[in-house]
Amino acid sequence: MRRKEKEIKETIIIEEIIKQAKVCRLAMVDQDKPYVVPLSFGYDGFHLYFHSALEGRKMDVLAKNPNVCFEFDEVIKIMKNKEACEWGMAFKSVIGEGRAVMLDDLAEKTHALGVIMAQYSKRVFEFPKESMEKTAVIKVIITSITGKQAG
């Protein structure tokens, strides 16, 4: 990170940013072009989890190249000024990299979907087997993660 004074080094703060997030942006490489999608997600302290249709561009891309980058952010405040070049933003963000793995095991898929739902609700859910068979569940094994803040 170029601006070391903006780096968030404490894992607990990085995890708090992730817990507060409502969307994760997942970046992939589709042949030689970047491809990014906003997704609902879950985070268990070790892995990110996503769900998807069984078919589609995202699934095709991940099958060919499982390396991904992910991003979360929180805009705290836009800091206005008379001069355009003096405007700024107070924010917190998390960026990381990892490897996407498709889950096939029913118990693993159930755990992952539970983690995703826990991101958005305190309820505990059951997942019908028929629905789970029609749903792709992706686990991202995180290989690096950094946080940044300003303002």
C-alpha atoms as a PDB file:
ATOM      1  CA  MET A   1       0.000   0.000   0.000  1.00  0.00           C
ATOM      2  CA  ARG A   2       1.474   3.306  -1.082  1.00  0.00           C
ATOM      3  CA  ARG A   3      -0.069   5.475   1.664  1.00  0.00           C
ATOM      4  CA  LYS A   4       0.859   3.497   4.778  1.00  0.00           C
ATOM      5  CA  GLU A   5      -0.846   6.023   7.072  1.00  0.00           C
ATOM      6  CA  LYS A   6      -4.200   4.973   5.556  1.00  0.00           C
ATOM      7  CA  GLU A   7      -3.639   1.239   5.989  1.00  0.00           C
ATOM      8  CA  ILE A   8      -5.881  -0.641   8.404  1.00  0.00           C
ATOM      9  CA  LYS A   9      -3.734  -3.273  10.082  1.00  0.00           C
ATOM     10  CA  GLU A  10      -6.133  -4.521  12.747  1.00  0.00           C
ATOM     11  CA  THR A  11      -8.019  -7.646  11.655  1.00  0.00           C
ATOM     12  CA  ILE A  12     -10.939  -6.759  13.910  1.00  0.00           C
ATOM     13  CA  ILE A  13     -11.500  -3.472  12.019  1.00  0.00           C
ATOM     14  CA  ILE A  14     -11.232  -5.195   8.624  1.00  0.00           C
ATOM     15  CA  GLU A  15     -13.804  -7.758   9.765  1.00  0.00           C
ATOM     16  CA  GLU A  16     -16.108  -5.012  11.059  1.00  0.00           C
ATOM     17  CA  ILE A  17     -16.064  -3.342   7.619  1.00  0.00           C
ATOM     18  CA  ILE A  18     -17.004  -6.677   6.036  1.00  0.00           C
ATOM     19  CA  LYS A  19     -19.782  -7.280   8.594  1.00  0.00           C
ATOM     20  CA  GLN A  20     -21.261  -3.831   7.876  1.00  0.00           C
ATOM     21  CA  ALA A  21     -21.176  -4.324   4.096  1.00  0.00           C
ATOM     22  CA  LYS A  22     -24.287  -5.186   2.128  1.00  0.00           C
ATOM     23  CA  VAL A  23     -22.552  -5.879  -1.199  1.00  0.00           C
ATOM     24  CA  CYS A  24     -19.298  -7.521  -2.207  1.00  0.00           C
ATOM     25  CA  ARG A  25     -17.808  -6.776  -5.596  1.00  0.00           C
ATOM     26  CA  LEU A  26     -16.141  -9.844  -7.052  1.00  0.00           C
ATOM     27  CA  ALA A  27     -13.610  -9.322  -9.832  1.00  0.00           C
ATOM     28  CA  MET A  28     -12.584 -12.052 -12.243  1.00  0.00           C
ATOM     29  CA  VAL A  29     -10.681 -12.309 -15.509  1.00  0.00           C
ATOM     30  CA  ASP A  30     -12.750 -13.378 -18.522  1.00  0.00           C
ATOM     31  CA  GLN A  31     -10.066 -14.427 -21.006  1.00  0.00           C
ATOM     32  CA  ASP A  32      -8.116 -11.168 -21.200  1.00  0.00           C
ATOM     33  CA  LYS A  33     -10.769  -8.766 -19.891  1.00  0.00           C
ATOM     34  CA  PRO A  34     -11.777  -7.819 -16.349  1.00  0.00           C
ATOM     35  CA  TYR A  35     -15.266  -8.755 -15.204  1.00  0.00           C
ATOM     36  CA  VAL A  36     -16.748  -7.561 -11.915  1.00  0.00           C
ATOM     37  CA  VAL A  37     -20.118  -8.334 -10.350  1.00  0.00           C
ATOM     38  CA  PRO A  38     -21.832  -7.059  -7.200  1.00  0.00           C
ATOM     39  CA  LEU A  39     -23.002  -9.955  -5.029  1.00  0.00           C
ATOM     40  CA  SER A  40     -24.757 -10.846  -1.823  1.00  0.00           C
ATOM     41  CA  PHE A  41     -22.232 -12.664   0.323  1.00  0.00           C
ATOM     42  CA  GLY A  42     -21.350 -14.248   3.620  1.00  0.00           C
ATOM     43  CA  TYR A  43     -18.107 -14.161   5.608  1.00  0.00           C
ATOM     44  CA  ASP A  44     -17.229 -16.565   8.406  1.00  0.00           C
ATOM     45  CA  GLY A  45     -13.887 -15.081   9.425  1.00  0.00           C
ATOM     46  CA  PHE A  46     -11.957 -17.325   7.052  1.00  0.00           C
ATOM     47  CA  HIS A  47     -13.821 -17.545   3.742  1.00  0.00           C
ATOM     48  CA  LEU A  48     -16.261 -15.608   1.612  1.00  0.00           C
ATOM     49  CA  TYR A  49     -19.336 -17.376   0.280  1.00  0.00           C
ATOM     50  CA  PHE A  50     -21.576 -16.559  -2.680  1.00  0.00           C
ATOM     51  CA  HIS A  51     -24.500 -18.270  -4.357  1.00  0.00           C
ATOM     52  CA  SER A  52     -25.343 -18.266  -8.018  1.00  0.00           C
ATOM     53  CA  ALA A  53     -27.342 -19.866 -10.750  1.00  0.00           C
ATOM     54  CA  LEU A  54     -25.674 -23.031 -11.993  1.00  0.00           C
ATOM     55  CA  GLU A  55     -25.048 -21.472 -15.397  1.00  0.00           C
ATOM     56  CA  GLY A  56     -24.000 -18.062 -16.636  1.00  0.00           C
ATOM     57  CA  ARG A  57     -21.009 -15.918 -17.374  1.00  0.00           C
ATOM     58  CA  LYS A  58     -19.731 -15.805 -13.782  1.00  0.00           C
ATOM     59  CA  MET A  59     -19.777 -19.587 -13.502  1.00  0.00           C
ATOM     60  CA  ASP A  60     -18.076 -19.986 -16.892  1.00  0.00           C
ATOM     61  CA  VAL A  61     -15.335 -17.522 -15.954  1.00  0.00           C
ATOM     62  CA  LEU A  62     -14.681 -19.117 -12.553  1.00  0.00           C
ATOM     63  CA  ALA A  63     -14.486 -22.584 -14.113  1.00  0.00           C
ATOM     64  CA  LYS A  64     -11.672 -21.380 -16.376  1.00  0.00           C
ATOM     65  CA  ASN A  65      -9.856 -19.194 -13.838  1.00  0.00           C
ATOM     66  CA  PRO A  66     -10.709 -19.466 -10.123  1.00  0.00           C
ATOM     67  CA  ASN A  67      -8.470 -16.545  -9.096  1.00  0.00           C
ATOM     68  CA  VAL A  68     -10.550 -13.628  -7.849  1.00  0.00           C
ATOM     69  CA  CYS A  69     -10.284 -10.224  -6.228  1.00  0.00           C
ATOM     70  CA  PHE A  70     -12.993  -8.865  -3.922  1.00  0.00           C
ATOM     71  CA  GLU A  71     -13.856  -5.437  -2.540  1.00  0.00           C
ATOM     72  CA  PHE A  72     -16.039  -3.922   0.187  1.00  0.00           C
ATOM     73  CA  ASP A  73     -16.418  -0.242   0.990  1.00  0.00           C
ATOM     74  CA  GLU A  74     -18.174   2.134   3.310  1.00  0.00           C
ATOM     75  CA  VAL A  75     -18.579   5.799   2.403  1.00  0.00           C
ATOM     76  CA  ILE A  76     -18.645   7.765   5.634  1.00  0.00           C
ATOM     77  CA  LYS A  77     -18.809  11.325   4.388  1.00  0.00           C
ATOM     78  CA  ILE A  78     -18.157  13.418   1.302  1.00  0.00           C
ATOM     79  CA  MET A  79     -15.922  16.324   2.279  1.00  0.00           C
ATOM     80  CA  LYS A  80     -16.799  19.375   0.164  1.00  0.00           C
ATOM     81  CA  ASN A  81     -14.586  22.369  -0.488  1.00  0.00           C
ATOM     82  CA  LYS A  82     -14.604  25.527  -2.622  1.00  0.00           C
ATOM     83  CA  GLU A  83     -11.950  24.073  -4.908  1.00  0.00           C
ATOM     84  CA  ALA A  84     -12.772  20.921  -6.876  1.00  0.00           C
ATOM     85  CA  CYS A  85      -9.323  19.412  -6.263  1.00  0.00           C
ATOM     86  CA  GLU A  86      -9.792  19.846  -2.508  1.00  0.00           C
ATOM     87  CA  TRP A  87     -12.872  17.660  -2.275  1.00  0.00           C
ATOM     88  CA  GLY A  88     -12.384  14.323  -0.570  1.00  0.00           C
ATOM     89  CA  MET A  89     -14.119  11.391   0.977  1.00  0.00           C
ATOM     90  CA  ALA A  90     -14.006   9.755   4.361  1.00  0.00           C
ATOM     91  CA  PHE A  91     -14.208   6.023   3.708  1.00  0.00           C
ATOM     92  CA  LYS A  92     -13.176   2.558   4.777  1.00  0.00           C
ATOM     93  CA  SER A  93     -12.486  -0.236   2.316  1.00  0.00           C
ATOM     94  CA  VAL A  94     -11.267  -3.805   2.173  1.00  0.00           C
ATOM     95  CA  ILE A  95      -9.649  -5.452  -0.827  1.00  0.00           C
ATOM     96  CA  GLY A  96      -8.494  -9.044  -1.005  1.00  0.00           C
ATOM     97  CA  GLU A  97      -7.608 -11.891  -3.276  1.00  0.00           C
ATOM     98  CA  GLY A  98      -8.413 -15.552  -3.238  1.00  0.00           C
ATOM     99  CA  ARG A  99      -9.335 -18.704  -5.080  1.00  0.00           C
ATOM    100  CA  ALA A 100     -12.938 -19.671  -5.797  1.00  0.00           C
ATOM    101  CA  VAL A 101     -14.011 -23.255  -5.136  1.00  0.00           C
ATOM    102  CA  MET A 102     -17.395 -24.682  -6.138  1.00  0.00           C
ATOM    103  CA  LEU A 103     -19.019 -26.554  -3.260  1.00  0.00           C
ATOM    104  CA  ASP A 104     -20.730 -29.847  -4.032  1.00  0.00           C
ATOM    105  CA  ASP A 105     -21.110 -31.371  -0.574  1.00  0.00           C
ATOM    106  CA  LEU A 106     -24.619 -30.777   0.801  1.00  0.00           C
ATOM    107  CA  ALA A 107     -23.350 -30.064   4.336  1.00  0.00           C
ATOM    108  CA  GLU A 108     -20.808 -27.524   3.046  1.00  0.00           C
ATOM    109  CA  LYS A 109     -23.440 -25.838   0.888  1.00  0.00           C
ATOM    110  CA  THR A 110     -25.828 -25.668   3.849  1.00  0.00           C
ATOM    111  CA  HIS A 111     -23.134 -24.099   6.024  1.00  0.00           C
ATOM    112  CA  ALA A 112     -22.242 -21.571   3.309  1.00  0.00           C
ATOM    113  CA  LEU A 113     -25.849 -20.551   2.670  1.00  0.00           C
ATOM    114  CA  GLY A 114     -26.327 -20.143   6.422  1.00  0.00           C
ATOM    115  CA  VAL A 115     -23.304 -17.827   6.527  1.00  0.00           C
ATOM    116  CA  ILE A 116     -24.708 -15.803   3.629  1.00  0.00           C
ATOM    117  CA  MET A 117     -28.090 -15.435   5.326  1.00  0.00           C
ATOM    118  CA  ALA A 118     -26.419 -14.489   8.630  1.00  0.00           C
ATOM    119  CA  GLN A 119     -24.900 -11.466   6.856  1.00  0.00           C
ATOM    120  CA  TYR A 120     -28.409 -10.076   6.382  1.00  0.00           C
ATOM    121  CA  SER A 121     -30.571 -11.619   9.107  1.00  0.00           C
ATOM    122  CA  LYS A 122     -30.378 -13.008  12.626  1.00  0.00           C
ATOM    123  CA  ARG A 123     -32.856 -15.753  11.731  1.00  0.00           C
ATOM    124  CA  VAL A 124     -31.785 -19.334  11.175  1.00  0.00           C
ATOM    125  CA  PHE A 125     -33.002 -20.774   7.885  1.00  0.00           C
ATOM    126  CA  GLU A 126     -33.543 -24.226   6.432  1.00  0.00           C
ATOM    127  CA  PHE A 127     -32.622 -24.867   2.821  1.00  0.00           C
ATOM    128  CA  PRO A 128     -34.725 -27.387   0.871  1.00  0.00           C
ATOM    129  CA  LYS A 129     -32.617 -30.015  -0.872  1.00  0.00           C
ATOM    130  CA  GLU A 130     -34.415 -29.371  -4.178  1.00  0.00           C
ATOM    131  CA  SER A 131     -33.457 -25.680  -4.079  1.00  0.00           C
ATOM    132  CA  MET A 132     -29.872 -26.443  -3.118  1.00  0.00           C
ATOM    133  CA  GLU A 133     -29.491 -28.800  -6.076  1.00  0.00           C
ATOM    134  CA  LYS A 134     -30.418 -25.880  -8.362  1.00  0.00           C
ATOM    135  CA  THR A 135     -28.024 -23.451  -6.666  1.00  0.00           C
ATOM    136  CA  ALA A 136     -24.279 -23.062  -7.132  1.00  0.00           C
ATOM    137  CA  VAL A 137     -22.416 -22.200  -3.941  1.00  0.00           C
ATOM    138  CA  ILE A 138     -18.944 -20.708  -4.171  1.00  0.00           C
ATOM    139  CA  LYS A 139     -16.354 -20.523  -1.399  1.00  0.00           C
ATOM    140  CA  VAL A 140     -13.466 -18.090  -1.764  1.00  0.00           C
ATOM    141  CA  ILE A 141     -10.337 -19.193   0.025  1.00  0.00           C
ATOM    142  CA  ILE A 142      -8.800 -15.854   0.977  1.00  0.00           C
ATOM    143  CA  THR A 143      -5.076 -15.565   0.231  1.00  0.00           C
ATOM    144  CA  SER A 144      -4.602 -11.864   1.041  1.00  0.00           C
ATOM    145  CA  ILE A 145      -6.650  -9.049   2.512  1.00  0.00           C
ATOM    146  CA  THR A 146      -5.956  -5.388   3.251  1.00  0.00           C
ATOM    147  CA  GLY A 147      -7.902  -2.466   4.653  1.00  0.00           C
ATOM    148  CA  LYS A 148      -7.696   1.247   3.971  1.00  0.00           C
ATOM    149  CA  GLN A 149      -9.334   4.310   5.490  1.00  0.00           C
ATOM    150  CA  ALA A 150      -9.336   8.035   4.949  1.00  0.00           C
ATOM    151  CA  GLY A 151     -10.953  10.992   6.632  1.00  0.00           C
END
